[in-house]
């Protein structure tokens, strides 16, 4: 019985850690939390940088951002959403 109680704090910590990552949209939860943004960024990257990939999306001032890696280049991609639901993008090359 005491072994089960010894595991309880560890299990509670793991559950809290998973809940925090889910709430913050980190790791595998990023695509769940920012689904609309991922769809927009994916389409943008596919159109402008066909062989590139992008990082997790994070919240930024008045919108979101991610880093697009295209070969050896890194581009910071910012996006905001208008009142009509359209995403607006702008880039900053690193």
C-alpha atoms as a PDB file:
ATOM      1  CA  UNK A   1       0.000   0.000   0.000  1.00  0.00           C
ATOM      2  CA  UNK A   2       2.788   2.447   0.840  1.00  0.00           C
ATOM      3  CA  UNK A   3       4.370   1.888  -2.587  1.00  0.00           C
ATOM      4  CA  UNK A   4       1.169   3.100  -4.260  1.00  0.00           C
ATOM      5  CA  UNK A   5       1.157   6.222  -2.098  1.00  0.00           C
ATOM      6  CA  UNK A   6       4.820   6.802  -2.937  1.00  0.00           C
ATOM      7  CA  UNK A   7       3.960   6.938  -6.643  1.00  0.00           C
ATOM      8  CA  UNK A   8       1.056   9.340  -6.189  1.00  0.00           C
ATOM      9  CA  UNK A   9       3.158  12.550  -5.940  1.00  0.00           C
ATOM     10  CA  UNK A  10       5.132  11.530  -9.031  1.00  0.00           C
ATOM     11  CA  UNK A  11       1.957  10.808 -10.972  1.00  0.00           C
ATOM     12  CA  UNK A  12       0.416  14.111  -9.855  1.00  0.00           C
ATOM     13  CA  UNK A  13       3.538  15.988 -10.984  1.00  0.00           C
ATOM     14  CA  UNK A  14       3.466  14.284 -14.374  1.00  0.00           C
ATOM     15  CA  UNK A  15      -0.247  15.058 -14.778  1.00  0.00           C
ATOM     16  CA  UNK A  16       0.360  18.708 -13.838  1.00  0.00           C
ATOM     17  CA  UNK A  17       3.256  18.932 -16.302  1.00  0.00           C
ATOM     18  CA  UNK A  18       1.151  17.488 -19.138  1.00  0.00           C
ATOM     19  CA  UNK A  19      -1.760  19.811 -18.287  1.00  0.00           C
ATOM     20  CA  UNK A  20       0.578  22.839 -18.282  1.00  0.00           C
ATOM     21  CA  UNK A  21       2.064  21.913 -21.679  1.00  0.00           C
ATOM     22  CA  UNK A  22      -1.433  21.417 -23.047  1.00  0.00           C
ATOM     23  CA  UNK A  23      -2.587  24.793 -21.700  1.00  0.00           C
ATOM     24  CA  UNK A  24       0.484  26.584 -23.063  1.00  0.00           C
ATOM     25  CA  UNK A  25       0.320  24.759 -26.400  1.00  0.00           C
ATOM     26  CA  UNK A  26       3.788  23.278 -26.178  1.00  0.00           C
ATOM     27  CA  UNK A  27       5.089  20.217 -27.991  1.00  0.00           C
ATOM     28  CA  UNK A  28       2.430  17.951 -29.433  1.00  0.00           C
ATOM     29  CA  UNK A  29      -0.267  20.239 -28.068  1.00  0.00           C
ATOM     30  CA  UNK A  30       0.890  23.196 -30.202  1.00  0.00           C
ATOM     31  CA  UNK A  31      -1.044  22.053 -33.276  1.00  0.00           C
ATOM     32  CA  UNK A  32      -4.149  21.510 -31.171  1.00  0.00           C
ATOM     33  CA  UNK A  33      -4.093  24.907 -29.483  1.00  0.00           C
ATOM     34  CA  UNK A  34      -3.158  26.885 -32.610  1.00  0.00           C
ATOM     35  CA  UNK A  35      -4.979  24.812 -35.238  1.00  0.00           C
ATOM     36  CA  UNK A  36      -6.166  27.732 -37.397  1.00  0.00           C
ATOM     37  CA  UNK A  37      -2.743  29.385 -37.248  1.00  0.00           C
ATOM     38  CA  UNK A  38      -1.002  26.144 -38.242  1.00  0.00           C
ATOM     39  CA  UNK A  39      -3.288  25.752 -41.240  1.00  0.00           C
ATOM     40  CA  UNK A  40      -2.574  29.330 -42.343  1.00  0.00           C
ATOM     41  CA  UNK A  41       1.195  29.062 -41.773  1.00  0.00           C
ATOM     42  CA  UNK A  42       1.354  25.692 -43.510  1.00  0.00           C
ATOM     43  CA  UNK A  43      -0.341  27.118 -46.605  1.00  0.00           C
ATOM     44  CA  UNK A  44       1.905  30.197 -46.529  1.00  0.00           C
ATOM     45  CA  UNK A  45       5.108  28.173 -46.185  1.00  0.00           C
ATOM     46  CA  UNK A  46       4.015  25.720 -48.879  1.00  0.00           C
ATOM     47  CA  UNK A  47       3.401  28.624 -51.262  1.00  0.00           C
ATOM     48  CA  UNK A  48       6.456  30.791 -50.488  1.00  0.00           C
ATOM     49  CA  UNK A  49       9.028  28.237 -49.262  1.00  0.00           C
ATOM     50  CA  UNK A  50       8.065  24.851 -50.757  1.00  0.00           C
ATOM     51  CA  UNK A  51      10.856  22.777 -49.178  1.00  0.00           C
ATOM     52  CA  UNK A  52      10.920  24.542 -45.816  1.00  0.00           C
ATOM     53  CA  UNK A  53       9.565  23.645 -42.405  1.00  0.00           C
ATOM     54  CA  UNK A  54       8.507  25.778 -39.444  1.00  0.00           C
ATOM     55  CA  UNK A  55       8.760  25.691 -35.673  1.00  0.00           C
ATOM     56  CA  UNK A  56       6.014  25.644 -33.074  1.00  0.00           C
ATOM     57  CA  UNK A  57       3.814  28.713 -33.113  1.00  0.00           C
ATOM     58  CA  UNK A  58       4.076  31.040 -30.135  1.00  0.00           C
ATOM     59  CA  UNK A  59       2.056  34.058 -29.098  1.00  0.00           C
ATOM     60  CA  UNK A  60       3.650  37.400 -29.920  1.00  0.00           C
ATOM     61  CA  UNK A  61       2.554  41.025 -29.677  1.00  0.00           C
ATOM     62  CA  UNK A  62      -0.929  41.213 -31.224  1.00  0.00           C
ATOM     63  CA  UNK A  63      -0.570  37.831 -32.941  1.00  0.00           C
ATOM     64  CA  UNK A  64       1.718  34.833 -33.319  1.00  0.00           C
ATOM     65  CA  UNK A  65       5.111  33.952 -34.705  1.00  0.00           C
ATOM     66  CA  UNK A  66       7.227  30.999 -35.754  1.00  0.00           C
ATOM     67  CA  UNK A  67      10.569  30.393 -37.408  1.00  0.00           C
ATOM     68  CA  UNK A  68      10.666  29.110 -40.982  1.00  0.00           C
ATOM     69  CA  UNK A  69      13.803  27.162 -41.910  1.00  0.00           C
ATOM     70  CA  UNK A  70      14.510  27.041 -45.620  1.00  0.00           C
ATOM     71  CA  UNK A  71      17.819  25.330 -46.251  1.00  0.00           C
ATOM     72  CA  UNK A  72      20.336  27.368 -44.280  1.00  0.00           C
ATOM     73  CA  UNK A  73      18.097  30.438 -43.980  1.00  0.00           C
ATOM     74  CA  UNK A  74      15.926  31.224 -40.999  1.00  0.00           C
ATOM     75  CA  UNK A  75      12.992  33.594 -41.344  1.00  0.00           C
ATOM     76  CA  UNK A  76      10.855  34.834 -38.484  1.00  0.00           C
ATOM     77  CA  UNK A  77       7.260  34.743 -39.672  1.00  0.00           C
ATOM     78  CA  UNK A  78       4.718  36.910 -37.874  1.00  0.00           C
ATOM     79  CA  UNK A  79       0.977  36.675 -38.353  1.00  0.00           C
ATOM     80  CA  UNK A  80      -2.068  38.486 -37.088  1.00  0.00           C
ATOM     81  CA  UNK A  81      -5.754  37.893 -37.654  1.00  0.00           C
ATOM     82  CA  UNK A  82      -8.096  40.607 -38.872  1.00  0.00           C
ATOM     83  CA  UNK A  83     -11.637  41.093 -37.587  1.00  0.00           C
ATOM     84  CA  UNK A  84     -12.892  39.324 -40.709  1.00  0.00           C
ATOM     85  CA  UNK A  85     -10.771  36.242 -39.900  1.00  0.00           C
ATOM     86  CA  UNK A  86      -8.068  36.728 -42.533  1.00  0.00           C
ATOM     87  CA  UNK A  87      -4.448  36.154 -41.511  1.00  0.00           C
ATOM     88  CA  UNK A  88      -1.865  38.789 -42.401  1.00  0.00           C
ATOM     89  CA  UNK A  89       1.786  37.712 -42.619  1.00  0.00           C
ATOM     90  CA  UNK A  90       5.089  39.545 -42.541  1.00  0.00           C
ATOM     91  CA  UNK A  91       8.633  38.273 -42.378  1.00  0.00           C
ATOM     92  CA  UNK A  92      11.957  39.206 -40.869  1.00  0.00           C
ATOM     93  CA  UNK A  93      15.057  37.443 -42.215  1.00  0.00           C
ATOM     94  CA  UNK A  94      17.605  36.384 -39.628  1.00  0.00           C
END
